[in-house]
Amino acid sequence: MIPMDTNEKKEVIELEVDRKQIEQGRVKVEGTVINIRGLKDGDVFDAMNKRWRLVQRKERVLHLKLDDVLKAFNLGYAIGNLHMRAMISGNDLYIPLEDPNLEEELRDFNPDIQEIKFVPNVEIPIRVKMVDFTDH
């Protein structure tokens, strides 16, 4: 990836990519893999002698309302074991619909399916307990 020269006027070409490509930090442009690590939706960069704007595709997500404390706790418990990425906006929870059984598994929480630009902003930290074999 070449840093963008802000003085040079070039046509900006929209490069539509999915969230996972942005997370992985690489996209394929005209048959060439380009490093986009650190860039996000809407960022502009130069590559292949052209100027590109990253445009994240919308994706299908489960939308759940977090308007009740007990329901929110139970939902957190249910999805916590799934180790899923999540996005919270106000009292709304969004989970990517990557597992075809997810909607059925969470049906008691009355989810609906929406199509949005999913940007995870919540990750459950997992503490890994390491076994130390150096004394054995």
N, C-alpha and C. Protein backbone atom coordinates (compact mmCIF):
# COMPACT_ATOMS: atom_id res chain seq x y z
N MET A 1 0.85 -1.16 0.00
CA MET A 1 0.00 0.00 0.00
C MET A 1 0.90 1.23 0.00
N ILE A 2 0.57 2.17 -0.82
CA ILE A 2 1.35 3.40 -0.93
C ILE A 2 0.60 4.50 -0.19
N PRO A 3 1.30 5.28 0.66
CA PRO A 3 0.62 6.39 1.33
C PRO A 3 0.00 7.34 0.32
N MET A 4 -1.12 7.89 0.67
CA MET A 4 -1.85 8.76 -0.24
C MET A 4 -1.17 10.12 -0.33
N ASP A 5 -0.95 10.58 -1.54
CA ASP A 5 -0.42 11.93 -1.78
C ASP A 5 -1.62 12.87 -1.82
N THR A 6 -1.79 13.68 -0.77
CA THR A 6 -2.98 14.52 -0.66
C THR A 6 -2.98 15.69 -1.63
N ASN A 7 -1.82 16.03 -2.22
CA ASN A 7 -1.76 17.15 -3.16
C ASN A 7 -2.21 16.74 -4.56
N GLU A 8 -2.10 15.47 -4.87
CA GLU A 8 -2.43 15.00 -6.21
C GLU A 8 -3.92 14.68 -6.31
N LYS A 9 -4.59 15.21 -7.34
CA LYS A 9 -6.02 14.96 -7.54
C LYS A 9 -6.18 13.75 -8.43
N LYS A 10 -6.80 12.71 -7.88
CA LYS A 10 -7.08 11.48 -8.62
C LYS A 10 -8.53 11.10 -8.38
N GLU A 11 -9.09 10.42 -9.35
CA GLU A 11 -10.43 9.87 -9.17
C GLU A 11 -10.35 8.81 -8.07
N VAL A 12 -11.32 8.80 -7.18
CA VAL A 12 -11.37 7.81 -6.10
C VAL A 12 -12.33 6.69 -6.52
N ILE A 13 -11.80 5.48 -6.53
CA ILE A 13 -12.58 4.30 -6.92
C ILE A 13 -13.03 3.58 -5.65
N GLU A 14 -14.32 3.30 -5.55
CA GLU A 14 -14.81 2.61 -4.37
C GLU A 14 -14.49 1.12 -4.47
N LEU A 15 -13.89 0.60 -3.41
CA LEU A 15 -13.52 -0.81 -3.34
C LEU A 15 -14.38 -1.45 -2.26
N GLU A 16 -15.41 -2.19 -2.68
CA GLU A 16 -16.32 -2.80 -1.73
C GLU A 16 -15.73 -4.10 -1.21
N VAL A 17 -15.61 -4.19 0.12
CA VAL A 17 -15.01 -5.36 0.76
C VAL A 17 -15.88 -5.78 1.94
N ASP A 18 -15.69 -7.02 2.38
CA ASP A 18 -16.45 -7.44 3.55
C ASP A 18 -15.65 -7.19 4.83
N ARG A 19 -16.32 -7.24 5.95
CA ARG A 19 -15.72 -6.94 7.24
C ARG A 19 -14.50 -7.82 7.52
N LYS A 20 -14.58 -9.08 7.17
CA LYS A 20 -13.47 -9.99 7.48
C LYS A 20 -12.20 -9.59 6.72
N GLN A 21 -12.34 -9.09 5.51
CA GLN A 21 -11.16 -8.63 4.77
C GLN A 21 -10.51 -7.45 5.49
N ILE A 22 -11.34 -6.54 5.99
CA ILE A 22 -10.81 -5.39 6.73
C ILE A 22 -10.12 -5.87 8.00
N GLU A 23 -10.75 -6.80 8.72
CA GLU A 23 -10.16 -7.33 9.94
C GLU A 23 -8.84 -8.06 9.67
N GLN A 24 -8.76 -8.77 8.56
CA GLN A 24 -7.54 -9.49 8.21
C GLN A 24 -6.46 -8.57 7.67
N GLY A 25 -6.86 -7.37 7.23
CA GLY A 25 -5.89 -6.38 6.78
C GLY A 25 -5.37 -6.60 5.38
N ARG A 26 -6.14 -7.27 4.55
CA ARG A 26 -5.71 -7.45 3.16
C ARG A 26 -6.92 -7.64 2.24
N VAL A 27 -6.77 -7.09 1.03
CA VAL A 27 -7.80 -7.22 0.01
C VAL A 27 -7.12 -7.51 -1.32
N LYS A 28 -7.89 -8.04 -2.24
CA LYS A 28 -7.36 -8.29 -3.58
C LYS A 28 -7.85 -7.18 -4.49
N VAL A 29 -6.91 -6.48 -5.12
CA VAL A 29 -7.22 -5.39 -6.04
C VAL A 29 -6.61 -5.74 -7.39
N GLU A 30 -7.46 -5.90 -8.38
CA GLU A 30 -7.00 -6.22 -9.74
C GLU A 30 -6.03 -7.38 -9.73
N GLY A 31 -6.37 -8.42 -8.96
CA GLY A 31 -5.56 -9.63 -8.93
C GLY A 31 -4.35 -9.59 -8.01
N THR A 32 -4.11 -8.48 -7.34
CA THR A 32 -2.96 -8.33 -6.45
C THR A 32 -3.44 -8.14 -5.02
N VAL A 33 -2.85 -8.86 -4.08
CA VAL A 33 -3.22 -8.71 -2.68
C VAL A 33 -2.54 -7.46 -2.13
N ILE A 34 -3.34 -6.59 -1.52
CA ILE A 34 -2.87 -5.32 -0.98
C ILE A 34 -3.03 -5.33 0.54
N ASN A 35 -2.00 -4.87 1.25
CA ASN A 35 -2.05 -4.75 2.70
C ASN A 35 -2.83 -3.50 3.07
N ILE A 36 -3.92 -3.69 3.80
CA ILE A 36 -4.72 -2.54 4.25
C ILE A 36 -4.78 -2.49 5.78
N ARG A 37 -3.84 -3.15 6.43
CA ARG A 37 -3.84 -3.20 7.89
C ARG A 37 -3.93 -1.79 8.47
N GLY A 38 -4.84 -1.62 9.41
CA GLY A 38 -5.02 -0.32 10.06
C GLY A 38 -6.07 0.56 9.40
N LEU A 39 -6.52 0.20 8.20
CA LEU A 39 -7.54 1.01 7.53
C LEU A 39 -8.93 0.52 7.92
N LYS A 40 -9.91 1.40 7.77
CA LYS A 40 -11.29 1.05 8.10
C LYS A 40 -12.23 1.59 7.02
N ASP A 41 -13.50 1.27 7.17
CA ASP A 41 -14.51 1.69 6.22
C ASP A 41 -14.43 3.20 5.98
N GLY A 42 -14.35 3.58 4.71
CA GLY A 42 -14.30 4.99 4.34
C GLY A 42 -12.91 5.54 4.13
N ASP A 43 -11.87 4.81 4.57
CA ASP A 43 -10.50 5.29 4.39
C ASP A 43 -10.11 5.24 2.91
N VAL A 44 -9.25 6.18 2.52
CA VAL A 44 -8.78 6.29 1.13
C VAL A 44 -7.30 5.98 1.11
N PHE A 45 -6.86 5.21 0.10
CA PHE A 45 -5.45 4.84 -0.03
C PHE A 45 -5.07 4.73 -1.50
N ASP A 46 -3.78 4.81 -1.78
CA ASP A 46 -3.26 4.65 -3.14
C ASP A 46 -2.66 3.25 -3.28
N ALA A 47 -2.97 2.59 -4.41
CA ALA A 47 -2.39 1.29 -4.76
C ALA A 47 -2.60 1.08 -6.25
N MET A 48 -1.64 0.45 -6.87
CA MET A 48 -1.76 0.12 -8.30
C MET A 48 -1.94 1.39 -9.14
N ASN A 49 -1.29 2.47 -8.73
CA ASN A 49 -1.36 3.77 -9.41
C ASN A 49 -2.77 4.34 -9.48
N LYS A 50 -3.60 3.95 -8.50
CA LYS A 50 -4.98 4.46 -8.44
C LYS A 50 -5.29 4.80 -6.99
N ARG A 51 -6.34 5.57 -6.80
CA ARG A 51 -6.80 5.95 -5.46
C ARG A 51 -8.08 5.18 -5.17
N TRP A 52 -8.12 4.53 -4.00
CA TRP A 52 -9.24 3.67 -3.62
C TRP A 52 -9.86 4.14 -2.31
N ARG A 53 -11.16 3.92 -2.17
CA ARG A 53 -11.87 4.15 -0.91
C ARG A 53 -12.45 2.80 -0.47
N LEU A 54 -12.09 2.39 0.76
CA LEU A 54 -12.66 1.16 1.31
C LEU A 54 -14.13 1.38 1.65
N VAL A 55 -14.97 0.51 1.17
CA VAL A 55 -16.39 0.57 1.48
C VAL A 55 -16.78 -0.81 2.02
N GLN A 56 -17.11 -0.85 3.30
CA GLN A 56 -17.49 -2.11 3.92
C GLN A 56 -18.90 -2.50 3.51
N ARG A 57 -19.04 -3.76 3.07
CA ARG A 57 -20.36 -4.27 2.70
C ARG A 57 -21.22 -4.44 3.95
N LYS A 58 -22.52 -4.28 3.76
CA LYS A 58 -23.45 -4.62 4.83
C LYS A 58 -23.51 -6.13 4.94
N GLU A 59 -23.84 -6.61 6.13
CA GLU A 59 -23.98 -8.05 6.32
C GLU A 59 -25.20 -8.34 7.19
N ARG A 60 -25.66 -9.56 7.09
CA ARG A 60 -26.82 -9.97 7.88
C ARG A 60 -26.41 -10.19 9.33
N VAL A 61 -27.20 -9.60 10.22
CA VAL A 61 -26.93 -9.71 11.66
C VAL A 61 -28.23 -10.02 12.39
N LEU A 62 -28.08 -10.60 13.57
CA LEU A 62 -29.21 -10.72 14.47
C LEU A 62 -29.25 -9.46 15.31
N HIS A 63 -30.40 -8.87 15.42
CA HIS A 63 -30.60 -7.65 16.21
C HIS A 63 -31.45 -8.04 17.42
N LEU A 64 -30.97 -7.66 18.60
CA LEU A 64 -31.69 -7.94 19.83
C LEU A 64 -31.76 -6.67 20.67
N LYS A 65 -32.90 -6.43 21.29
CA LYS A 65 -33.08 -5.26 22.16
C LYS A 65 -32.62 -5.62 23.56
N LEU A 66 -31.88 -4.70 24.18
CA LEU A 66 -31.41 -4.88 25.56
C LEU A 66 -32.16 -3.91 26.46
N ASP A 67 -33.48 -4.02 26.48
CA ASP A 67 -34.29 -3.06 27.22
C ASP A 67 -34.70 -3.55 28.61
N ASP A 68 -34.27 -4.76 28.97
CA ASP A 68 -34.61 -5.32 30.27
C ASP A 68 -33.34 -5.93 30.86
N VAL A 69 -33.03 -5.59 32.10
CA VAL A 69 -31.77 -6.01 32.72
C VAL A 69 -31.67 -7.53 32.80
N LEU A 70 -32.72 -8.21 33.24
CA LEU A 70 -32.68 -9.66 33.37
C LEU A 70 -32.53 -10.33 32.00
N LYS A 71 -33.27 -9.82 31.01
CA LYS A 71 -33.16 -10.36 29.65
C LYS A 71 -31.73 -10.14 29.11
N ALA A 72 -31.18 -8.96 29.35
CA ALA A 72 -29.83 -8.66 28.89
C ALA A 72 -28.81 -9.58 29.56
N PHE A 73 -28.98 -9.83 30.85
CA PHE A 73 -28.07 -10.74 31.56
C PHE A 73 -28.17 -12.15 30.99
N ASN A 74 -29.39 -12.65 30.83
CA ASN A 74 -29.58 -13.99 30.27
C ASN A 74 -29.02 -14.11 28.86
N LEU A 75 -29.24 -13.07 28.07
CA LEU A 75 -28.71 -13.07 26.70
C LEU A 75 -27.19 -13.07 26.72
N GLY A 76 -26.60 -12.24 27.58
CA GLY A 76 -25.14 -12.22 27.71
C GLY A 76 -24.59 -13.57 28.10
N TYR A 77 -25.28 -14.24 29.00
CA TYR A 77 -24.86 -15.57 29.43
C TYR A 77 -24.95 -16.55 28.25
N ALA A 78 -26.03 -16.47 27.50
CA ALA A 78 -26.24 -17.38 26.37
C ALA A 78 -25.20 -17.18 25.27
N ILE A 79 -24.92 -15.92 24.91
CA ILE A 79 -23.98 -15.69 23.81
C ILE A 79 -22.53 -15.71 24.27
N GLY A 80 -22.30 -15.52 25.58
CA GLY A 80 -20.94 -15.54 26.10
C GLY A 80 -20.25 -16.85 25.84
N ASN A 81 -20.97 -17.95 25.95
CA ASN A 81 -20.38 -19.26 25.70
C ASN A 81 -20.10 -19.50 24.22
N LEU A 82 -20.65 -18.68 23.37
CA LEU A 82 -20.42 -18.84 21.93
C LEU A 82 -19.19 -18.08 21.46
N HIS A 83 -18.62 -17.23 22.32
CA HIS A 83 -17.41 -16.45 22.01
C HIS A 83 -17.56 -15.71 20.69
N MET A 84 -18.66 -14.98 20.57
CA MET A 84 -18.95 -14.26 19.33
C MET A 84 -18.57 -12.78 19.47
N ARG A 85 -18.26 -12.19 18.36
CA ARG A 85 -18.03 -10.75 18.32
C ARG A 85 -19.40 -10.10 18.32
N ALA A 86 -19.46 -8.93 18.92
CA ALA A 86 -20.75 -8.25 19.05
C ALA A 86 -20.57 -6.76 18.85
N MET A 87 -21.70 -6.11 18.56
CA MET A 87 -21.73 -4.66 18.42
C MET A 87 -22.91 -4.16 19.24
N ILE A 88 -22.64 -3.18 20.10
CA ILE A 88 -23.71 -2.58 20.89
C ILE A 88 -23.83 -1.12 20.50
N SER A 89 -25.06 -0.70 20.26
CA SER A 89 -25.36 0.69 19.98
C SER A 89 -26.59 1.04 20.79
N GLY A 90 -26.39 1.86 21.83
CA GLY A 90 -27.50 2.16 22.72
C GLY A 90 -27.98 0.90 23.40
N ASN A 91 -29.27 0.60 23.27
CA ASN A 91 -29.84 -0.63 23.84
C ASN A 91 -29.99 -1.73 22.80
N ASP A 92 -29.25 -1.62 21.71
CA ASP A 92 -29.35 -2.61 20.64
C ASP A 92 -28.07 -3.43 20.57
N LEU A 93 -28.24 -4.74 20.45
CA LEU A 93 -27.13 -5.68 20.31
C LEU A 93 -27.21 -6.30 18.92
N TYR A 94 -26.06 -6.35 18.25
CA TYR A 94 -25.98 -6.95 16.92
C TYR A 94 -24.93 -8.04 16.94
N ILE A 95 -25.27 -9.19 16.38
CA ILE A 95 -24.36 -10.33 16.29
C ILE A 95 -24.36 -10.79 14.84
N PRO A 96 -23.18 -11.00 14.23
CA PRO A 96 -23.17 -11.43 12.84
C PRO A 96 -23.84 -12.80 12.69
N LEU A 97 -24.60 -12.94 11.65
CA LEU A 97 -25.34 -14.17 11.39
C LEU A 97 -24.45 -15.12 10.59
N GLU A 98 -23.36 -15.55 11.24
CA GLU A 98 -22.40 -16.44 10.58
C GLU A 98 -22.77 -17.90 10.78
N ASP A 99 -23.51 -18.20 11.82
CA ASP A 99 -23.95 -19.56 12.13
C ASP A 99 -25.42 -19.67 11.75
N PRO A 100 -25.77 -20.59 10.84
CA PRO A 100 -27.16 -20.68 10.40
C PRO A 100 -28.13 -21.08 11.51
N ASN A 101 -27.62 -21.66 12.61
CA ASN A 101 -28.48 -22.08 13.71
C ASN A 101 -28.66 -21.01 14.78
N LEU A 102 -27.94 -19.91 14.66
CA LEU A 102 -27.94 -18.89 15.69
C LEU A 102 -29.32 -18.29 15.94
N GLU A 103 -30.04 -18.00 14.89
CA GLU A 103 -31.37 -17.41 15.06
C GLU A 103 -32.27 -18.35 15.87
N GLU A 104 -32.21 -19.63 15.58
CA GLU A 104 -33.01 -20.61 16.31
C GLU A 104 -32.55 -20.72 17.77
N GLU A 105 -31.24 -20.72 17.99
CA GLU A 105 -30.70 -20.84 19.34
C GLU A 105 -31.12 -19.67 20.22
N LEU A 106 -31.29 -18.49 19.64
CA LEU A 106 -31.62 -17.29 20.41
C LEU A 106 -33.08 -16.86 20.24
N ARG A 107 -33.92 -17.74 19.75
CA ARG A 107 -35.32 -17.39 19.45
C ARG A 107 -36.09 -16.90 20.68
N ASP A 108 -35.71 -17.37 21.89
CA ASP A 108 -36.40 -16.93 23.10
C ASP A 108 -36.19 -15.44 23.39
N PHE A 109 -35.20 -14.83 22.74
CA PHE A 109 -34.91 -13.41 22.95
C PHE A 109 -35.51 -12.53 21.86
N ASN A 110 -36.33 -13.12 20.99
CA ASN A 110 -37.04 -12.42 19.91
C ASN A 110 -36.12 -11.60 19.00
N PRO A 111 -35.12 -12.24 18.41
CA PRO A 111 -34.24 -11.49 17.50
C PRO A 111 -34.92 -11.21 16.17
N ASP A 112 -34.47 -10.17 15.51
CA ASP A 112 -34.87 -9.96 14.12
C ASP A 112 -33.59 -9.84 13.30
N ILE A 113 -33.72 -10.10 12.02
CA ILE A 113 -32.57 -10.05 11.13
C ILE A 113 -32.54 -8.70 10.44
N GLN A 114 -31.35 -8.07 10.47
CA GLN A 114 -31.15 -6.81 9.79
C GLN A 114 -29.90 -6.91 8.93
N GLU A 115 -29.75 -5.99 8.02
CA GLU A 115 -28.55 -5.92 7.20
C GLU A 115 -27.90 -4.56 7.47
N ILE A 116 -26.71 -4.59 8.09
CA ILE A 116 -26.02 -3.36 8.49
C ILE A 116 -24.53 -3.50 8.24
N LYS A 117 -23.82 -2.38 8.35
CA LYS A 117 -22.36 -2.42 8.39
C LYS A 117 -21.99 -2.78 9.82
N PHE A 118 -21.60 -4.00 10.02
CA PHE A 118 -21.30 -4.51 11.36
C PHE A 118 -19.86 -4.16 11.72
N VAL A 119 -19.71 -3.42 12.82
CA VAL A 119 -18.38 -3.05 13.31
C VAL A 119 -18.32 -3.47 14.78
N PRO A 120 -17.70 -4.63 15.05
CA PRO A 120 -17.69 -5.12 16.43
C PRO A 120 -17.03 -4.12 17.37
N ASN A 121 -17.68 -3.89 18.51
CA ASN A 121 -17.11 -2.99 19.49
C ASN A 121 -17.11 -3.61 20.89
N VAL A 122 -17.46 -4.89 20.96
CA VAL A 122 -17.45 -5.62 22.23
C VAL A 122 -16.82 -6.99 21.99
N GLU A 123 -15.83 -7.30 22.79
CA GLU A 123 -15.27 -8.64 22.76
C GLU A 123 -15.16 -9.11 24.19
N ILE A 124 -15.55 -10.34 24.43
CA ILE A 124 -15.46 -10.91 25.77
C ILE A 124 -14.03 -11.38 25.97
N PRO A 125 -13.32 -10.82 26.95
CA PRO A 125 -11.95 -11.29 27.17
C PRO A 125 -11.96 -12.71 27.72
N ILE A 126 -11.12 -13.54 27.17
CA ILE A 126 -11.00 -14.92 27.60
C ILE A 126 -9.68 -15.05 28.35
N ARG A 127 -9.75 -15.43 29.59
CA ARG A 127 -8.53 -15.64 30.36
C ARG A 127 -8.11 -17.09 30.19
N VAL A 128 -6.92 -17.27 29.70
CA VAL A 128 -6.40 -18.62 29.48
C VAL A 128 -5.49 -18.96 30.64
N LYS A 129 -5.78 -20.09 31.27
CA LYS A 129 -4.94 -20.54 32.37
C LYS A 129 -3.91 -21.49 31.77
N MET A 130 -2.66 -21.11 31.90
CA MET A 130 -1.58 -21.91 31.33
C MET A 130 -1.04 -22.88 32.39
N VAL A 131 -0.74 -24.08 31.98
CA VAL A 131 -0.13 -25.06 32.85
C VAL A 131 1.38 -24.91 32.70
N ASP A 132 2.07 -24.78 33.81
CA ASP A 132 3.52 -24.61 33.80
C ASP A 132 4.17 -25.97 34.04
N PHE A 133 4.87 -26.49 33.04
CA PHE A 133 5.51 -27.79 33.13
C PHE A 133 7.00 -27.68 33.46
N THR A 134 7.50 -26.50 33.72
CA THR A 134 8.94 -26.32 33.93
C THR A 134 9.45 -26.98 35.21
N ASP A 135 8.60 -27.16 36.20
CA ASP A 135 9.03 -27.78 37.45
C ASP A 135 8.91 -29.29 37.43
N HIS A 136 8.47 -29.89 36.35
CA HIS A 136 8.25 -31.33 36.32
C HIS A 136 9.31 -32.05 35.56
